[in-house]
Amino acid sequence: MNLQACRVLHRSLASLATAEAFSYAPNLTLWPRFFSPREQCVLLGASLQRLDSNETRQSRRRMKTYKSTQPPTSAEPSPQDCFLPDQYYDFQEGHFDGVIRQYREMHLSSWPESESPDLVAVLMRLYSLCPTEDTQTHLIHLATLGEILPHVDNASASGSWIMGVSLGAERLLQMDGPTQDHESLRISLPSGSVYLQRDYMRYNYRHSILRSKLSDAVHVGQRLSIIIRDRPLVELLHGRNS
């Protein structure tokens, strides 16, 4: 089977709405509507707060000024409302390994639980999906035209599984097998969805987050990912012996 003949699976949000979890392959599971819009806003608020704290003083001042000029509203905010316009963030043009474009990121050591009464319950729901307990958390904020190019994760960076929470604009996850005999997967990741990728697919399939097209209103907008991984075995053994 050549690459062009690979079966591409693209499930819409409508077809997945009633499914609690959907297995695309033995090593890939998707929960398409795991978090409610309110829970998404709680996660976004905490994540953006952490990312914004790494910005320069000038950038934080511009953000504060913009927020102060916005009229108050009694309407429940949508996840997309949690983002400021692109120009208020200092997005990086390219990652050191060339994989991510137009992004902000940080490795998260702790969540601001004391500053958000609702955050603890939402995090408990999220981490209940983790196959193991010793984890590391990574935030990736993509600009409207940001993208993650095809890559296979470094095996030394984490263990056997990776979990991703999608918040903001819906994007497409592309998975390409190691040879032409393997099928390709293209999966919609709506806001509030969670996917779990593990074992063979974790280190043998190239994965990417496709760039938004301005002509496609469904996918236009900023996106924030909460990436949770198990720690590599070598790191765990070192921690126990130290």
Protein backbone atom coordinates (compact mmCIF):
# COMPACT_ATOMS: atom_id res chain seq x y z
CA MET A 1 0.00 0.00 0.00
CA ASN A 2 1.52 3.37 -1.01
CA LEU A 3 1.15 6.58 0.92
CA GLN A 4 -1.53 7.92 -1.42
CA ALA A 5 -3.56 4.78 -0.86
CA CYS A 6 -3.37 5.05 2.92
CA ARG A 7 -6.77 5.22 4.51
CA VAL A 8 -7.20 8.64 6.10
CA LEU A 9 -9.58 8.75 9.04
CA HIS A 10 -11.13 12.12 9.77
CA ARG A 11 -14.00 11.96 12.25
CA SER A 12 -15.99 15.15 12.74
CA LEU A 13 -17.06 16.44 16.12
CA ALA A 14 -20.66 15.65 15.24
CA SER A 15 -19.96 11.96 14.72
CA LEU A 16 -18.00 11.70 17.96
CA ALA A 17 -20.24 13.81 20.17
CA THR A 18 -22.08 10.89 21.75
CA ALA A 19 -18.96 8.74 22.29
CA GLU A 20 -17.30 8.81 25.69
CA ALA A 21 -14.06 7.50 24.21
CA PHE A 22 -13.04 6.41 20.73
CA SER A 23 -10.11 4.13 19.85
CA TYR A 24 -8.56 4.92 16.49
CA ALA A 25 -5.95 2.23 16.99
CA PRO A 26 -4.82 0.01 19.87
CA ASN A 27 -2.44 2.76 20.97
CA LEU A 28 -4.56 5.90 20.41
CA THR A 29 -7.69 6.88 22.34
CA LEU A 30 -9.70 10.10 22.00
CA TRP A 31 -12.23 11.60 24.42
CA PRO A 32 -13.80 14.21 22.09
CA ARG A 33 -15.81 16.13 24.71
CA PHE A 34 -14.11 15.42 27.99
CA PHE A 35 -14.21 18.97 29.38
CA SER A 36 -17.19 21.33 29.41
CA PRO A 37 -16.72 24.91 28.12
CA ARG A 38 -16.54 26.16 31.71
CA GLU A 39 -13.87 23.60 32.64
CA GLN A 40 -11.94 24.54 29.52
CA CYS A 41 -11.93 28.19 30.61
CA VAL A 42 -10.64 27.18 34.05
CA LEU A 43 -7.74 25.27 32.47
CA LEU A 44 -7.05 28.06 29.99
CA GLY A 45 -7.04 30.71 32.70
CA ALA A 46 -4.49 28.80 34.77
CA SER A 47 -2.33 27.87 31.77
CA LEU A 48 -2.26 31.36 30.27
CA GLN A 49 -1.46 32.84 33.68
CA ARG A 50 1.61 30.61 33.92
CA LEU A 51 2.71 31.39 30.36
CA ASP A 52 2.13 35.13 30.77
CA SER A 53 4.29 35.17 33.90
CA ASN A 54 7.27 34.32 31.67
CA GLU A 55 6.69 37.32 29.39
CA THR A 56 8.67 40.55 29.67
CA ARG A 57 7.42 43.33 31.91
CA GLN A 58 6.59 45.39 28.83
CA SER A 59 4.51 42.57 27.35
CA ARG A 60 2.62 42.04 30.60
CA ARG A 61 1.90 45.77 30.76
CA ARG A 62 0.46 45.72 27.23
CA MET A 63 -1.74 42.75 28.15
CA LYS A 64 -3.00 44.50 31.26
CA THR A 65 -3.78 47.68 29.33
CA TYR A 66 -5.70 45.78 26.67
CA LYS A 67 -7.78 43.90 29.25
CA SER A 68 -8.64 47.13 31.06
CA THR A 69 -10.12 48.60 27.86
CA GLN A 70 -12.52 45.71 27.27
CA PRO A 71 -16.15 46.35 28.25
CA PRO A 72 -17.56 44.10 30.99
CA THR A 73 -19.95 41.36 29.95
CA SER A 74 -22.29 39.09 31.86
CA ALA A 75 -22.16 36.38 29.23
CA GLU A 76 -20.38 33.12 29.98
CA PRO A 77 -17.03 33.28 28.13
CA SER A 78 -16.18 30.70 25.51
CA PRO A 79 -12.73 29.07 25.47
CA GLN A 80 -11.71 31.24 22.52
CA ASP A 81 -12.65 34.36 24.53
CA CYS A 82 -9.89 33.50 27.01
CA PHE A 83 -7.17 34.42 24.50
CA LEU A 84 -5.98 37.95 23.75
CA PRO A 85 -5.40 38.92 20.10
CA ASP A 86 -2.23 37.38 18.65
CA GLN A 87 -0.26 40.64 18.67
CA TYR A 88 -0.33 40.82 22.48
CA TYR A 89 1.68 37.61 22.87
CA ASP A 90 5.41 37.22 22.17
CA PHE A 91 5.14 34.12 20.01
CA GLN A 92 8.43 32.53 18.97
CA GLU A 93 8.90 32.04 15.24
CA GLY A 94 10.64 28.68 15.48
CA HIS A 95 11.61 26.00 17.98
CA PHE A 96 15.28 25.02 18.48
CA ASP A 97 14.62 21.70 16.72
CA GLY A 98 12.52 23.30 13.98
CA VAL A 99 9.38 21.35 14.89
CA ILE A 100 7.12 24.11 16.30
CA ARG A 101 6.34 27.44 14.63
CA GLN A 102 4.71 30.56 16.11
CA TYR A 103 4.33 29.34 19.67
CA ARG A 104 4.90 29.91 23.37
CA GLU A 105 5.76 27.07 25.71
CA MET A 106 6.83 26.19 29.22
CA HIS A 107 7.43 23.13 31.37
CA LEU A 108 5.03 23.37 34.27
CA SER A 109 6.30 22.56 37.74
CA SER A 110 3.05 23.42 39.54
CA TRP A 111 -0.49 24.67 38.93
CA PRO A 112 -1.87 27.84 40.61
CA GLU A 113 -4.43 25.83 42.57
CA SER A 114 -4.72 28.32 45.43
CA GLU A 115 -5.74 31.07 43.00
CA SER A 116 -8.60 29.16 41.36
CA PRO A 117 -11.12 27.29 43.54
CA ASP A 118 -12.42 25.33 40.55
CA LEU A 119 -9.02 24.26 39.25
CA VAL A 120 -8.42 21.40 41.69
CA ALA A 121 -11.54 19.47 40.65
CA VAL A 122 -10.78 19.96 36.95
CA LEU A 123 -7.19 18.77 37.40
CA MET A 124 -8.38 15.70 39.30
CA ARG A 125 -10.54 14.76 36.33
CA LEU A 126 -7.65 15.31 33.94
CA TYR A 127 -5.00 13.38 35.84
CA SER A 128 -7.42 10.50 36.49
CA LEU A 129 -6.88 9.57 32.82
CA CYS A 130 -3.12 9.16 33.25
CA PRO A 131 -2.03 5.50 33.02
CA THR A 132 0.71 6.13 35.62
CA GLU A 133 1.18 8.70 38.37
CA ASP A 134 4.73 10.08 38.00
CA THR A 135 4.24 12.67 35.25
CA GLN A 136 5.61 15.86 33.72
CA THR A 137 3.46 18.63 32.22
CA HIS A 138 4.23 20.85 29.24
CA LEU A 139 2.19 23.81 27.90
CA ILE A 140 2.26 24.71 24.19
CA HIS A 141 0.38 27.82 23.01
CA LEU A 142 0.07 28.10 19.22
CA ALA A 143 -0.68 31.39 17.47
CA THR A 144 -3.55 31.49 14.98
CA LEU A 145 -1.16 30.37 12.23
CA GLY A 146 1.10 28.31 14.48
CA GLU A 147 1.79 24.66 13.76
CA ILE A 148 3.66 21.58 14.91
CA LEU A 149 5.49 19.85 12.06
CA PRO A 150 5.71 16.05 11.60
CA HIS A 151 8.06 14.45 14.12
CA VAL A 152 8.64 11.44 16.34
CA ASP A 153 9.28 12.25 20.00
CA ASN A 154 12.69 11.70 21.51
CA ALA A 155 12.55 8.38 23.36
CA SER A 156 14.80 9.73 26.11
CA ALA A 157 12.44 12.63 26.88
CA SER A 158 9.64 10.57 28.42
CA GLY A 159 8.27 7.11 28.94
CA SER A 160 5.73 5.05 27.03
CA TRP A 161 2.71 7.38 26.81
CA ILE A 162 1.70 10.97 26.11
CA MET A 163 -1.65 12.68 26.72
CA GLY A 164 -2.82 15.93 25.16
CA VAL A 165 -5.63 18.33 26.09
CA SER A 166 -6.80 20.63 23.29
CA LEU A 167 -8.14 24.07 24.24
CA GLY A 168 -9.21 26.81 21.85
CA ALA A 169 -9.48 26.50 18.09
CA GLU A 170 -10.11 23.04 16.69
CA ARG A 171 -7.10 21.58 14.88
CA LEU A 172 -6.26 18.38 13.00
CA LEU A 173 -3.84 15.80 14.37
CA GLN A 174 -2.00 13.99 11.57
CA MET A 175 -0.42 10.59 12.33
CA ASP A 176 1.82 8.92 9.72
CA GLY A 177 3.17 5.40 10.12
CA PRO A 178 6.83 4.42 9.74
CA THR A 179 6.32 2.78 6.33
CA GLN A 180 3.90 2.98 3.41
CA ASP A 181 2.28 -0.22 4.67
CA HIS A 182 0.92 1.63 7.70
CA GLU A 183 -2.21 3.71 7.47
CA SER A 184 -2.32 7.43 8.16
CA LEU A 185 -4.73 8.97 10.62
CA ARG A 186 -6.17 12.47 10.53
CA ILE A 187 -8.20 13.27 13.62
CA SER A 188 -10.15 16.38 14.63
CA LEU A 189 -9.19 17.71 18.05
CA PRO A 190 -12.03 19.96 19.22
CA SER A 191 -11.64 22.20 22.24
CA GLY A 192 -12.12 20.18 25.41
CA SER A 193 -10.92 16.93 23.86
CA VAL A 194 -8.25 14.67 25.32
CA TYR A 195 -6.18 12.08 23.47
CA LEU A 196 -3.88 9.37 24.81
CA GLN A 197 -1.10 7.97 22.63
CA ARG A 198 1.12 5.15 23.83
CA ASP A 199 3.62 2.37 23.15
CA TYR A 200 4.19 1.48 19.47
CA MET A 201 2.34 4.48 18.06
CA ARG A 202 4.11 6.76 20.53
CA TYR A 203 7.57 6.24 19.05
CA ASN A 204 6.95 4.94 15.55
CA TYR A 205 4.30 7.27 14.10
CA ARG A 206 5.19 10.80 13.10
CA HIS A 207 2.60 13.23 14.46
CA SER A 208 1.84 16.86 13.65
CA ILE A 209 -0.73 19.58 14.35
CA LEU A 210 -1.77 21.06 11.03
CA ARG A 211 -1.70 24.78 10.43
CA SER A 212 -4.99 26.69 10.30
CA LYS A 213 -6.28 27.87 6.95
CA LEU A 214 -7.74 31.37 6.97
CA SER A 215 -10.35 30.15 4.47
CA ASP A 216 -11.54 27.52 6.95
CA ALA A 217 -13.39 29.26 9.77
CA VAL A 218 -13.67 26.04 11.80
CA HIS A 219 -9.93 25.82 12.43
CA VAL A 220 -8.92 29.48 12.69
CA GLY A 221 -7.78 30.72 16.08
CA GLN A 222 -5.24 30.19 18.82
CA ARG A 223 -4.81 26.80 20.44
CA LEU A 224 -3.30 25.75 23.75
CA SER A 225 -2.22 22.19 24.49
CA ILE A 226 -1.62 20.70 27.90
CA ILE A 227 0.80 17.84 27.29
CA ILE A 228 1.29 15.26 30.04
CA ARG A 229 3.92 12.51 29.78
CA ASP A 230 5.19 9.81 32.06
CA ARG A 231 8.77 10.25 33.14
CA PRO A 232 11.49 8.17 31.45
CA LEU A 233 12.52 5.03 33.31
CA VAL A 234 16.13 6.22 33.66
CA GLU A 235 14.95 9.40 35.39
CA LEU A 236 12.70 7.45 37.75
CA LEU A 237 15.51 5.07 38.71
CA HIS A 238 17.88 7.99 39.29
CA GLY A 239 15.33 9.68 41.55
CA ARG A 240 14.92 6.55 43.65
CA ASN A 241 18.66 6.05 44.05
CA SER A 242 19.53 9.66 44.87
